[in-house]
Amino acid sequence: KSCFGQCLLLACPGVLLGSFLTAVLALNILPYGWTFETCMVFGSILAATDPVAVVSILKDLGASPKLSMIIAGESLMNDGTAIVLFNFFLEVALQNQEYSTWNIIVYFFRMSIGG
């Protein structure tokens, strides 16, 4: 049985929210004078999680293989989402240009399918 939908639901919104909240904190707390776009680059770097320890503990505890697969798959999607966010906001920060909501959605899907 496929776990793609569950992994996607766990990964993308979590990385987006984590990146945004980290960027807001960096913008308001760090003394560097970064723009919001630069803070989003920073947030996207810190947003991806590493589940190696969690998957190892689940295997030791005898948890369901499906649960381990969901966590490992979600981690891969976390990494992919974080890379897309990093590339997008790095491009925005370096080129200093505005993007419409539609352009952001198109960029995200283009990068997600290997563009």
PDB file of N, CA and C in Angstrom:
ATOM      1  N   LYS A   1       0.843  -1.190   0.000  1.00  0.00           N
ATOM      2  CA  LYS A   1       0.000   0.000   0.000  1.00  0.00           C
ATOM      3  C   LYS A   1       0.887   1.251   0.000  1.00  0.00           C
ATOM      4  N   SER A   2       0.517   2.221  -0.788  1.00  0.00           N
ATOM      5  CA  SER A   2       1.327   3.420  -0.956  1.00  0.00           C
ATOM      6  C   SER A   2       1.176   4.381   0.221  1.00  0.00           C
ATOM      7  N   CYS A   3       2.288   4.975   0.618  1.00  0.00           N
ATOM      8  CA  CYS A   3       2.312   5.953   1.709  1.00  0.00           C
ATOM      9  C   CYS A   3       2.588   7.356   1.185  1.00  0.00           C
ATOM     10  N   PHE A   4       2.563   7.537  -0.141  1.00  0.00           N
ATOM     11  CA  PHE A   4       2.941   8.810  -0.746  1.00  0.00           C
ATOM     12  C   PHE A   4       2.102   9.970  -0.220  1.00  0.00           C
ATOM     13  N   GLY A   5       0.793   9.793  -0.162  1.00  0.00           N
ATOM     14  CA  GLY A   5      -0.097  10.866   0.294  1.00  0.00           C
ATOM     15  C   GLY A   5       0.186  11.286   1.725  1.00  0.00           C
ATOM     16  N   GLN A   6       0.409  10.310   2.584  1.00  0.00           N
ATOM     17  CA  GLN A   6       0.714  10.625   3.987  1.00  0.00           C
ATOM     18  C   GLN A   6       2.050  11.339   4.112  1.00  0.00           C
ATOM     19  N   CYS A   7       3.040  10.883   3.353  1.00  0.00           N
ATOM     20  CA  CYS A   7       4.359  11.528   3.391  1.00  0.00           C
ATOM     21  C   CYS A   7       4.267  12.964   2.888  1.00  0.00           C
ATOM     22  N   LEU A   8       3.540  13.162   1.797  1.00  0.00           N
ATOM     23  CA  LEU A   8       3.382  14.497   1.222  1.00  0.00           C
ATOM     24  C   LEU A   8       2.661  15.431   2.191  1.00  0.00           C
ATOM     25  N   LEU A   9       1.628  14.920   2.827  1.00  0.00           N
ATOM     26  CA  LEU A   9       0.867  15.727   3.788  1.00  0.00           C
ATOM     27  C   LEU A   9       1.720  16.107   4.993  1.00  0.00           C
ATOM     28  N   LEU A  10       2.580  15.232   5.431  1.00  0.00           N
ATOM     29  CA  LEU A  10       3.450  15.529   6.570  1.00  0.00           C
ATOM     30  C   LEU A  10       4.621  16.431   6.194  1.00  0.00           C
ATOM     31  N   ALA A  11       5.149  16.260   4.986  1.00  0.00           N
ATOM     32  CA  ALA A  11       6.403  16.927   4.640  1.00  0.00           C
ATOM     33  C   ALA A  11       6.241  18.382   4.217  1.00  0.00           C
ATOM     34  N   CYS A  12       5.509  18.626   3.169  1.00  0.00           N
ATOM     35  CA  CYS A  12       5.484  19.966   2.572  1.00  0.00           C
ATOM     36  C   CYS A  12       4.982  21.050   3.520  1.00  0.00           C
ATOM     37  N   PRO A  13       3.813  20.904   4.127  1.00  0.00           N
ATOM     38  CA  PRO A  13       3.367  21.970   5.038  1.00  0.00           C
ATOM     39  C   PRO A  13       4.303  22.161   6.233  1.00  0.00           C
ATOM     40  N   GLY A  14       4.875  21.087   6.729  1.00  0.00           N
ATOM     41  CA  GLY A  14       5.780  21.187   7.871  1.00  0.00           C
ATOM     42  C   GLY A  14       7.041  21.973   7.544  1.00  0.00           C
ATOM     43  N   VAL A  15       7.622  21.709   6.378  1.00  0.00           N
ATOM     44  CA  VAL A  15       8.835  22.428   5.976  1.00  0.00           C
ATOM     45  C   VAL A  15       8.504  23.888   5.684  1.00  0.00           C
ATOM     46  N   LEU A  16       7.386  24.124   5.022  1.00  0.00           N
ATOM     47  CA  LEU A  16       6.988  25.511   4.746  1.00  0.00           C
ATOM     48  C   LEU A  16       6.785  26.292   6.035  1.00  0.00           C
ATOM     49  N   LEU A  17       6.070  25.695   6.972  1.00  0.00           N
ATOM     50  CA  LEU A  17       5.825  26.368   8.247  1.00  0.00           C
ATOM     51  C   LEU A  17       7.114  26.543   9.042  1.00  0.00           C
ATOM     52  N   GLY A  18       7.929  25.496   9.101  1.00  0.00           N
ATOM     53  CA  GLY A  18       9.199  25.586   9.827  1.00  0.00           C
ATOM     54  C   GLY A  18      10.131  26.633   9.237  1.00  0.00           C
ATOM     55  N   SER A  19      10.197  26.686   7.908  1.00  0.00           N
ATOM     56  CA  SER A  19      11.043  27.687   7.246  1.00  0.00           C
ATOM     57  C   SER A  19      10.541  29.093   7.544  1.00  0.00           C
ATOM     58  N   PHE A  20       9.233  29.277   7.444  1.00  0.00           N
ATOM     59  CA  PHE A  20       8.649  30.598   7.679  1.00  0.00           C
ATOM     60  C   PHE A  20       8.868  31.055   9.113  1.00  0.00           C
ATOM     61  N   LEU A  21       8.585  30.189  10.078  1.00  0.00           N
ATOM     62  CA  LEU A  21       8.751  30.569  11.482  1.00  0.00           C
ATOM     63  C   LEU A  21      10.214  30.836  11.825  1.00  0.00           C
ATOM     64  N   THR A  22      11.126  30.033  11.284  1.00  0.00           N
ATOM     65  CA  THR A  22      12.556  30.272  11.501  1.00  0.00           C
ATOM     66  C   THR A  22      12.970  31.600  10.882  1.00  0.00           C
ATOM     67  N   ALA A  23      12.441  31.898   9.702  1.00  0.00           N
ATOM     68  CA  ALA A  23      12.769  33.167   9.039  1.00  0.00           C
ATOM     69  C   ALA A  23      12.259  34.356   9.847  1.00  0.00           C
ATOM     70  N   VAL A  24      11.044  34.249  10.376  1.00  0.00           N
ATOM     71  CA  VAL A  24      10.486  35.341  11.185  1.00  0.00           C
ATOM     72  C   VAL A  24      11.330  35.554  12.441  1.00  0.00           C
ATOM     73  N   LEU A  25      11.707  34.468  13.091  1.00  0.00           N
ATOM     74  CA  LEU A  25      12.569  34.599  14.277  1.00  0.00           C
ATOM     75  C   LEU A  25      13.924  35.200  13.918  1.00  0.00           C
ATOM     76  N   ALA A  26      14.515  34.741  12.826  1.00  0.00           N
ATOM     77  CA  ALA A  26      15.818  35.281  12.404  1.00  0.00           C
ATOM     78  C   ALA A  26      15.711  36.764  12.076  1.00  0.00           C
ATOM     79  N   LEU A  27      14.627  37.140  11.424  1.00  0.00           N
ATOM     80  CA  LEU A  27      14.419  38.532  11.048  1.00  0.00           C
ATOM     81  C   LEU A  27      14.320  39.433  12.269  1.00  0.00           C
ATOM     82  N   ASN A  28      13.669  38.936  13.316  1.00  0.00           N
ATOM     83  CA  ASN A  28      13.412  39.761  14.491  1.00  0.00           C
ATOM     84  C   ASN A  28      14.445  39.624  15.604  1.00  0.00           C
ATOM     85  N   ILE A  29      15.241  38.561  15.585  1.00  0.00           N
ATOM     86  CA  ILE A  29      16.167  38.325  16.699  1.00  0.00           C
ATOM     87  C   ILE A  29      17.626  38.511  16.303  1.00  0.00           C
ATOM     88  N   LEU A  30      18.020  37.992  15.156  1.00  0.00           N
ATOM     89  CA  LEU A  30      19.433  38.057  14.764  1.00  0.00           C
ATOM     90  C   LEU A  30      19.829  39.488  14.380  1.00  0.00           C
ATOM     91  N   PRO A  31      21.022  39.886  14.750  1.00  0.00           N
ATOM     92  CA  PRO A  31      21.436  41.288  14.545  1.00  0.00           C
ATOM     93  C   PRO A  31      22.111  41.569  13.200  1.00  0.00           C
ATOM     94  N   TYR A  32      21.786  40.828  12.154  1.00  0.00           N
ATOM     95  CA  TYR A  32      22.521  40.950  10.897  1.00  0.00           C
ATOM     96  C   TYR A  32      21.880  41.895   9.885  1.00  0.00           C
ATOM     97  N   GLY A  33      20.659  42.321  10.109  1.00  0.00           N
ATOM     98  CA  GLY A  33      19.989  43.196   9.150  1.00  0.00           C
ATOM     99  C   GLY A  33      19.599  42.507   7.858  1.00  0.00           C
ATOM    100  N   TRP A  34      19.340  41.210   7.928  1.00  0.00           N
ATOM    101  CA  TRP A  34      18.953  40.444   6.748  1.00  0.00           C
ATOM    102  C   TRP A  34      17.581  40.862   6.257  1.00  0.00           C
ATOM    103  N   THR A  35      17.349  40.689   4.948  1.00  0.00           N
ATOM    104  CA  THR A  35      16.015  40.866   4.389  1.00  0.00           C
ATOM    105  C   THR A  35      15.194  39.606   4.701  1.00  0.00           C
ATOM    106  N   PHE A  36      13.886  39.693   4.463  1.00  0.00           N
ATOM    107  CA  PHE A  36      13.046  38.518   4.699  1.00  0.00           C
ATOM    108  C   PHE A  36      13.454  37.364   3.784  1.00  0.00           C
ATOM    109  N   GLU A  37      13.812  37.683   2.539  1.00  0.00           N
ATOM    110  CA  GLU A  37      14.207  36.635   1.592  1.00  0.00           C
ATOM    111  C   GLU A  37      15.465  35.906   2.072  1.00  0.00           C
ATOM    112  N   THR A  38      16.429  36.654   2.599  1.00  0.00           N
ATOM    113  CA  THR A  38      17.644  36.034   3.133  1.00  0.00           C
ATOM    114  C   THR A  38      17.306  35.182   4.357  1.00  0.00           C
ATOM    115  N   CYS A  39      16.383  35.665   5.185  1.00  0.00           N
ATOM    116  CA  CYS A  39      15.947  34.878   6.347  1.00  0.00           C
ATOM    117  C   CYS A  39      15.244  33.598   5.915  1.00  0.00           C
ATOM    118  N   MET A  40      14.524  33.628   4.788  1.00  0.00           N
ATOM    119  CA  MET A  40      13.883  32.410   4.285  1.00  0.00           C
ATOM    120  C   MET A  40      14.929  31.423   3.752  1.00  0.00           C
ATOM    121  N   VAL A  41      16.011  31.921   3.174  1.00  0.00           N
ATOM    122  CA  VAL A  41      17.113  31.032   2.768  1.00  0.00           C
ATOM    123  C   VAL A  41      17.647  30.325   4.013  1.00  0.00           C
ATOM    124  N   PHE A  42      17.897  31.096   5.063  1.00  0.00           N
ATOM    125  CA  PHE A  42      18.367  30.559   6.335  1.00  0.00           C
ATOM    126  C   PHE A  42      17.359  29.558   6.917  1.00  0.00           C
ATOM    127  N   GLY A  43      16.084  29.919   6.916  1.00  0.00           N
ATOM    128  CA  GLY A  43      15.035  29.046   7.452  1.00  0.00           C
ATOM    129  C   GLY A  43      14.906  27.744   6.683  1.00  0.00           C
ATOM    130  N   SER A  44      15.069  27.802   5.365  1.00  0.00           N
ATOM    131  CA  SER A  44      14.946  26.577   4.568  1.00  0.00           C
ATOM    132  C   SER A  44      16.100  25.617   4.830  1.00  0.00           C
ATOM    133  N   ILE A  45      17.265  26.162   5.181  1.00  0.00           N
ATOM    134  CA  ILE A  45      18.394  25.299   5.523  1.00  0.00           C
ATOM    135  C   ILE A  45      18.113  24.541   6.814  1.00  0.00           C
ATOM    136  N   LEU A  46      17.505  25.221   7.781  1.00  0.00           N
ATOM    137  CA  LEU A  46      17.268  24.605   9.088  1.00  0.00           C
ATOM    138  C   LEU A  46      15.979  23.794   9.175  1.00  0.00           C
ATOM    139  N   ALA A  47      15.108  23.891   8.169  1.00  0.00           N
ATOM    140  CA  ALA A  47      13.788  23.270   8.261  1.00  0.00           C
ATOM    141  C   ALA A  47      13.788  21.752   8.056  1.00  0.00           C
ATOM    142  N   ALA A  48      14.699  21.235   7.267  1.00  0.00           N
ATOM    143  CA  ALA A  48      14.705  19.795   6.993  1.00  0.00           C
ATOM    144  C   ALA A  48      15.155  19.025   8.236  1.00  0.00           C
ATOM    145  N   THR A  49      14.502  17.910   8.471  1.00  0.00           N
ATOM    146  CA  THR A  49      14.822  17.099   9.645  1.00  0.00           C
ATOM    147  C   THR A  49      15.527  15.815   9.222  1.00  0.00           C
ATOM    148  N   ASP A  50      16.240  15.219  10.149  1.00  0.00           N
ATOM    149  CA  ASP A  50      16.957  13.970   9.880  1.00  0.00           C
ATOM    150  C   ASP A  50      16.368  12.866  10.757  1.00  0.00           C
ATOM    151  N   PRO A  51      15.716  11.869  10.164  1.00  0.00           N
ATOM    152  CA  PRO A  51      15.009  10.858  10.946  1.00  0.00           C
ATOM    153  C   PRO A  51      15.822   9.605  11.258  1.00  0.00           C
ATOM    154  N   VAL A  52      17.120   9.617  11.016  1.00  0.00           N
ATOM    155  CA  VAL A  52      17.911   8.394  11.166  1.00  0.00           C
ATOM    156  C   VAL A  52      17.757   7.807  12.566  1.00  0.00           C
ATOM    157  N   ALA A  53      17.877   8.634  13.584  1.00  0.00           N
ATOM    158  CA  ALA A  53      17.755   8.143  14.962  1.00  0.00           C
ATOM    159  C   ALA A  53      16.345   7.635  15.239  1.00  0.00           C
ATOM    160  N   VAL A  54      15.348   8.345  14.716  1.00  0.00           N
ATOM    161  CA  VAL A  54      13.954   7.936  14.956  1.00  0.00           C
ATOM    162  C   VAL A  54      13.676   6.583  14.310  1.00  0.00           C
ATOM    163  N   VAL A  55      14.104   6.413  13.062  1.00  0.00           N
ATOM    164  CA  VAL A  55      13.876   5.137  12.367  1.00  0.00           C
ATOM    165  C   VAL A  55      14.616   4.019  13.087  1.00  0.00           C
ATOM    166  N   SER A  56      15.814   4.262  13.572  1.00  0.00           N
ATOM    167  CA  SER A  56      16.579   3.256  14.304  1.00  0.00           C
ATOM    168  C   SER A  56      15.863   2.848  15.584  1.00  0.00           C
ATOM    169  N   ILE A  57      15.350   3.821  16.316  1.00  0.00           N
ATOM    170  CA  ILE A  57      14.615   3.522  17.558  1.00  0.00           C
ATOM    171  C   ILE A  57      13.350   2.738  17.253  1.00  0.00           C
ATOM    172  N   LEU A  58      12.636   3.127  16.184  1.00  0.00           N
ATOM    173  CA  LEU A  58      11.417   2.405  15.816  1.00  0.00           C
ATOM    174  C   LEU A  58      11.726   0.951  15.475  1.00  0.00           C
ATOM    175  N   LYS A  59      12.825   0.702  14.782  1.00  0.00           N
ATOM    176  CA  LYS A  59      13.203  -0.678  14.451  1.00  0.00           C
ATOM    177  C   LYS A  59      13.545  -1.461  15.712  1.00  0.00           C
ATOM    178  N   ASP A  60      14.266  -0.811  16.640  1.00  0.00           N
ATOM    179  CA  ASP A  60      14.616  -1.478  17.898  1.00  0.00           C
ATOM    180  C   ASP A  60      13.377  -1.811  18.727  1.00  0.00           C
ATOM    181  N   LEU A  61      12.371  -0.950  18.650  1.00  0.00           N
ATOM    182  CA  LEU A  61      11.146  -1.170  19.421  1.00  0.00           C
ATOM    183  C   LEU A  61      10.173  -2.123  18.730  1.00  0.00           C
ATOM    184  N   GLY A  62      10.487  -2.476  17.486  1.00  0.00           N
ATOM    185  CA  GLY A  62       9.627  -3.412  16.768  1.00  0.00           C
ATOM    186  C   GLY A  62       8.381  -2.749  16.206  1.00  0.00           C
ATOM    187  N   ALA A  63       8.478  -1.465  15.894  1.00  0.00           N
ATOM    188  CA  ALA A  63       7.328  -0.747  15.328  1.00  0.00           C
ATOM    189  C   ALA A  63       7.039  -1.255  13.920  1.00  0.00           C
ATOM    190  N   SER A  64       5.875  -0.943  13.457  1.00  0.00           N
ATOM    191  CA  SER A  64       5.429  -1.359  12.140  1.00  0.00           C
ATOM    192  C   SER A  64       6.379  -0.859  11.047  1.00  0.00           C
ATOM    193  N   PRO A  65       6.701  -1.723  10.088  1.00  0.00           N
ATOM    194  CA  PRO A  65       7.541  -1.274   8.974  1.00  0.00           C
ATOM    195  C   PRO A  65       6.902  -0.131   8.179  1.00  0.00           C
ATOM    196  N   LYS A  66       5.573  -0.114   8.146  1.00  0.00           N
ATOM    197  CA  LYS A  66       4.878   0.964   7.446  1.00  0.00           C
ATOM    198  C   LYS A  66       5.168   2.311   8.104  1.00  0.00           C
ATOM    199  N   LEU A  67       5.197   2.351   9.424  1.00  0.00           N
ATOM    200  CA  LEU A  67       5.493   3.592  10.139  1.00  0.00           C
ATOM    201  C   LEU A  67       6.911   4.050   9.828  1.00  0.00           C
ATOM    202  N   SER A  68       7.848   3.129   9.805  1.00  0.00           N
ATOM    203  CA  SER A  68       9.230   3.478   9.455  1.00  0.00           C
ATOM    204  C   SER A  68       9.312   4.001   8.023  1.00  0.00           C
ATOM    205  N   MET A  69       8.540   3.378   7.116  1.00  0.00           N
ATOM    206  CA  MET A  69       8.532   3.826   5.732  1.00  0.00           C
ATOM    207  C   MET A  69       7.942   5.233   5.608  1.00  0.00           C
ATOM    208  N   ILE A  70       6.893   5.509   6.346  1.00  0.00           N
ATOM    209  CA  ILE A  70       6.281   6.838   6.315  1.00  0.00           C
ATOM    210  C   ILE A  70       7.276   7.887   6.812  1.00  0.00           C
ATOM    211  N   ILE A  71       7.965   7.596   7.890  1.00  0.00           N
ATOM    212  CA  ILE A  71       8.924   8.556   8.448  1.00  0.00           C
ATOM    213  C   ILE A  71      10.108   8.758   7.502  1.00  0.00           C
ATOM    214  N   ALA A  72      10.622   7.684   6.935  1.00  0.00           N
ATOM    215  CA  ALA A  72      11.744   7.809   6.001  1.00  0.00           C
ATOM    216  C   ALA A  72      11.315   8.544   4.726  1.00  0.00           C
ATOM    217  N   GLY A  73      10.137   8.228   4.215  1.00  0.00           N
ATOM    218  CA  GLY A  73       9.620   8.912   3.020  1.00  0.00           C
ATOM    219  C   GLY A  73       9.347  10.377   3.274  1.00  0.00           C
ATOM    220  N   GLU A  74       8.803  10.662   4.435  1.00  0.00           N
ATOM    221  CA  GLU A  74       8.532  12.055   4.806  1.00  0.00           C
ATOM    222  C   GLU A  74       9.836  12.833   4.896  1.00  0.00           C
ATOM    223  N   SER A  75      10.884  12.203   5.390  1.00  0.00           N
ATOM    224  CA  SER A  75      12.181  12.864   5.484  1.00  0.00           C
ATOM    225  C   SER A  75      12.741  13.187   4.107  1.00  0.00           C
ATOM    226  N   LEU A  76      12.605  12.253   3.162  1.00  0.00           N
ATOM    227  CA  LEU A  76      13.068  12.520   1.797  1.00  0.00           C
ATOM    228  C   LEU A  76      12.307  13.679   1.176  1.00  0.00           C
ATOM    229  N   MET A  77      11.004  13.718   1.410  1.00  0.00           N
ATOM    230  CA  MET A  77      10.205  14.827   0.884  1.00  0.00           C
ATOM    231  C   MET A  77      10.533  16.135   1.605  1.00  0.00           C
ATOM    232  N   ASN A  78      10.834  16.047   2.905  1.00  0.00           N
ATOM    233  CA  ASN A  78      11.295  17.237   3.635  1.00  0.00           C
ATOM    234  C   ASN A  78      12.527  17.806   2.963  1.00  0.00           C
ATOM    235  N   ASP A  79      13.485  16.937   2.674  1.00  0.00           N
ATOM    236  CA  ASP A  79      14.731  17.381   2.058  1.00  0.00           C
ATOM    237  C   ASP A  79      14.468  18.020   0.692  1.00  0.00           C
ATOM    238  N   GLY A  80      13.626  17.378  -0.093  1.00  0.00           N
ATOM    239  CA  GLY A  80      13.301  17.916  -1.421  1.00  0.00           C
ATOM    240  C   GLY A  80      12.606  19.267  -1.341  1.00  0.00           C
ATOM    241  N   THR A  81      11.646  19.377  -0.435  1.00  0.00           N
ATOM    242  CA  THR A  81      10.939  20.645  -0.259  1.00  0.00           C
ATOM    243  C   THR A  81      11.888  21.729   0.215  1.00  0.00           C
ATOM    244  N   ALA A  82      12.763  21.394   1.139  1.00  0.00           N
ATOM    245  CA  ALA A  82      13.725  22.374   1.651  1.00  0.00           C
ATOM    246  C   ALA A  82      14.684  22.826   0.553  1.00  0.00           C
ATOM    247  N   ILE A  83      15.102  21.921  -0.324  1.00  0.00           N
ATOM    248  CA  ILE A  83      15.994  22.292  -1.422  1.00  0.00           C
ATOM    249  C   ILE A  83      15.294  23.235  -2.397  1.00  0.00           C
ATOM    250  N   VAL A  84      14.032  22.932  -2.708  1.00  0.00           N
ATOM    251  CA  VAL A  84      13.268  23.814  -3.601  1.00  0.00           C
ATOM    252  C   VAL A  84      13.103  25.195  -2.971  1.00  0.00           C
ATOM    253  N   LEU A  85      12.746  25.251  -1.686  1.00  0.00           N
ATOM    254  CA  LEU A  85      12.626  26.541  -1.005  1.00  0.00           C
ATOM    255  C   LEU A  85      13.947  27.289  -0.984  1.00  0.00           C
ATOM    256  N   PHE A  86      15.026  26.589  -0.669  1.00  0.00           N
ATOM    257  CA  PHE A  86      16.347  27.209  -0.640  1.00  0.00           C
ATOM    258  C   PHE A  86      16.690  27.819  -1.995  1.00  0.00           C
ATOM    259  N   ASN A  87      16.542  27.037  -3.060  1.00  0.00           N
ATOM    260  CA  ASN A  87      16.865  27.534  -4.406  1.00  0.00           C
ATOM    261  C   ASN A  87      15.996  28.725  -4.787  1.00  0.00           C
ATOM    262  N   PHE A  88      14.706  28.644  -4.472  1.00  0.00           N
ATOM    263  CA  PHE A  88      13.804  29.741  -4.824  1.00  0.00           C
ATOM    264  C   PHE A  88      14.175  31.025  -4.093  1.00  0.00           C
ATOM    265  N   PHE A  89      14.309  30.953  -2.784  1.00  0.00           N
ATOM    266  CA  PHE A  89      14.588  32.170  -2.029  1.00  0.00           C
ATOM    267  C   PHE A  89      16.013  32.677  -2.244  1.00  0.00           C
ATOM    268  N   LEU A  90      16.945  31.795  -2.561  1.00  0.00           N
ATOM    269  CA  LEU A  90      18.285  32.252  -2.919  1.00  0.00           C
ATOM    270  C   LEU A  90      18.226  33.045  -4.219  1.00  0.00           C
ATOM    271  N   GLU A  91      17.472  32.538  -5.183  1.00  0.00           N
ATOM    272  CA  GLU A  91      17.296  33.250  -6.450  1.00  0.00           C
ATOM    273  C   GLU A  91      16.631  34.604  -6.222  1.00  0.00           C
ATOM    274  N   VAL A  92      15.595  34.631  -5.398  1.00  0.00           N
ATOM    275  CA  VAL A  92      14.901  35.899  -5.104  1.00  0.00           C
ATOM    276  C   VAL A  92      15.839  36.867  -4.386  1.00  0.00           C
ATOM    277  N   ALA A  93      16.590  36.377  -3.410  1.00  0.00           N
ATOM    278  CA  ALA A  93      17.475  37.245  -2.633  1.00  0.00           C
ATOM    279  C   ALA A  93      18.610  37.803  -3.498  1.00  0.00           C
ATOM    280  N   LEU A  94      19.160  36.991  -4.396  1.00  0.00           N
ATOM    281  CA  LEU A  94      20.278  37.445  -5.214  1.00  0.00           C
ATOM    282  C   LEU A  94      19.846  38.337  -6.374  1.00  0.00           C
ATOM    283  N   GLN A  95      18.691  38.049  -6.939  1.00  0.00           N
ATOM    284  CA  GLN A  95      18.237  38.829  -8.097  1.00  0.00           C
ATOM    285  C   GLN A  95      17.365  40.003  -7.689  1.00  0.00           C
ATOM    286  N   ASN A  96      16.902  39.998  -6.445  1.00  0.00           N
ATOM    287  CA  ASN A  96      16.107  41.096  -5.903  1.00  0.00           C
ATOM    288  C   ASN A  96      14.910  41.425  -6.791  1.00  0.00           C
ATOM    289  N   GLN A  97      14.146  40.389  -7.140  1.00  0.00           N
ATOM    290  CA  GLN A  97      12.968  40.606  -7.971  1.00  0.00           C
ATOM    291  C   GLN A  97      11.742  40.014  -7.299  1.00  0.00           C
ATOM    292  N   GLU A  98      10.579  40.483  -7.714  1.00  0.00           N
ATOM    293  CA  GLU A  98       9.311  40.038  -7.148  1.00  0.00           C
ATOM    294  C   GLU A  98       8.738  38.881  -7.971  1.00  0.00           C
ATOM    295  N   TYR A  99       8.040  37.999  -7.295  1.00  0.00           N
ATOM    296  CA  TYR A  99       7.346  36.895  -7.952  1.00  0.00           C
ATOM    297  C   TYR A  99       5.875  36.935  -7.573  1.00  0.00           C
ATOM    298  N   SER A 100       5.004  36.619  -8.533  1.00  0.00           N
ATOM    299  CA  SER A 100       3.578  36.515  -8.227  1.00  0.00           C
ATOM    300  C   SER A 100       3.317  35.146  -7.596  1.00  0.00           C
ATOM    301  N   THR A 101       2.166  34.997  -7.000  1.00  0.00           N
ATOM    302  CA  THR A 101       1.793  33.714  -6.393  1.00  0.00           C
ATOM    303  C   THR A 101       1.816  32.604  -7.435  1.00  0.00           C
ATOM    304  N   TRP A 102       1.323  32.897  -8.619  1.00  0.00           N
ATOM    305  CA  TRP A 102       1.302  31.901  -9.691  1.00  0.00           C
ATOM    306  C   TRP A 102       2.720  31.486 -10.070  1.00  0.00           C
ATOM    307  N   ASN A 103       3.640  32.445 -10.187  1.00  0.00           N
ATOM    308  CA  ASN A 103       5.031  32.125 -10.528  1.00  0.00           C
ATOM    309  C   ASN A 103       5.687  31.261  -9.464  1.00  0.00           C
ATOM    310  N   ILE A 104       5.355  31.496  -8.206  1.00  0.00           N
ATOM    311  CA  ILE A 104       5.896  30.690  -7.111  1.00  0.00           C
ATOM    312  C   ILE A 104       5.396  29.252  -7.213  1.00  0.00           C
ATOM    313  N   ILE A 105       4.109  29.084  -7.480  1.00  0.00           N
ATOM    314  CA  ILE A 105       3.522  27.742  -7.603  1.00  0.00           C
ATOM    315  C   ILE A 105       4.142  26.999  -8.786  1.00  0.00           C
ATOM    316  N   VAL A 106       4.271  27.679  -9.923  1.00  0.00           N
ATOM    317  CA  VAL A 106       4.867  27.063 -11.110  1.00  0.00           C
ATOM    318  C   VAL A 106       6.317  26.677 -10.832  1.00  0.00           C
ATOM    319  N   TYR A 107       7.075  27.558 -10.196  1.00  0.00           N
ATOM    320  CA  TYR A 107       8.474  27.270  -9.861  1.00  0.00           C
ATOM    321  C   TYR A 107       8.571  26.051  -8.956  1.00  0.00           C
ATOM    322  N   PHE A 108       7.716  25.988  -7.923  1.00  0.00           N
ATOM    323  CA  PHE A 108       7.735  24.864  -6.990  1.00  0.00           C
ATOM    324  C   PHE A 108       7.468  23.540  -7.689  1.00  0.00           C
ATOM    325  N   PHE A 109       6.445  23.501  -8.547  1.00  0.00           N
ATOM    326  CA  PHE A 109       6.127  22.250  -9.234  1.00  0.00           C
ATOM    327  C   PHE A 109       7.179  21.897 -10.272  1.00  0.00           C
ATOM    328  N   ARG A 110       7.740  22.899 -10.956  1.00  0.00           N
ATOM    329  CA  ARG A 110       8.784  22.624 -11.941  1.00  0.00           C
ATOM    330  C   ARG A 110      10.011  22.022 -11.266  1.00  0.00           C
ATOM    331  N   MET A 111      10.415  22.582 -10.144  1.00  0.00           N
ATOM    332  CA  MET A 111      11.559  22.054  -9.414  1.00  0.00           C
ATOM    333  C   MET A 111      11.257  20.690  -8.792  1.00  0.00           C
ATOM    334  N   SER A 112      10.024  20.481  -8.376  1.00  0.00           N
ATOM    335  CA  SER A 112       9.634  19.216  -7.736  1.00  0.00           C
ATOM    336  C   SER A 112       9.672  18.043  -8.693  1.00  0.00           C
ATOM    337  N   ILE A 113       9.428  18.300  -9.970  1.00  0.00           N
ATOM    338  CA  ILE A 113       9.439  17.195 -10.928  1.00  0.00           C
ATOM    339  C   ILE A 113      10.766  17.070 -11.664  1.00  0.00           C
ATOM    340  N   GLY A 114      11.766  17.800 -11.186  1.00  0.00           N
ATOM    341  CA  GLY A 114      13.105  17.621 -11.713  1.00  0.00           C
ATOM    342  C   GLY A 114      13.601  18.730 -12.617  1.00  0.00           C
ATOM    343  N   GLY A 115      12.941  19.899 -12.598  1.00  0.00           N
ATOM    344  CA  GLY A 115      13.323  20.993 -13.486  1.00  0.00           C
ATOM    345  C   GLY A 115      14.437  21.786 -12.992  1.00  0.00           C
TER     346      GLY A 115
END
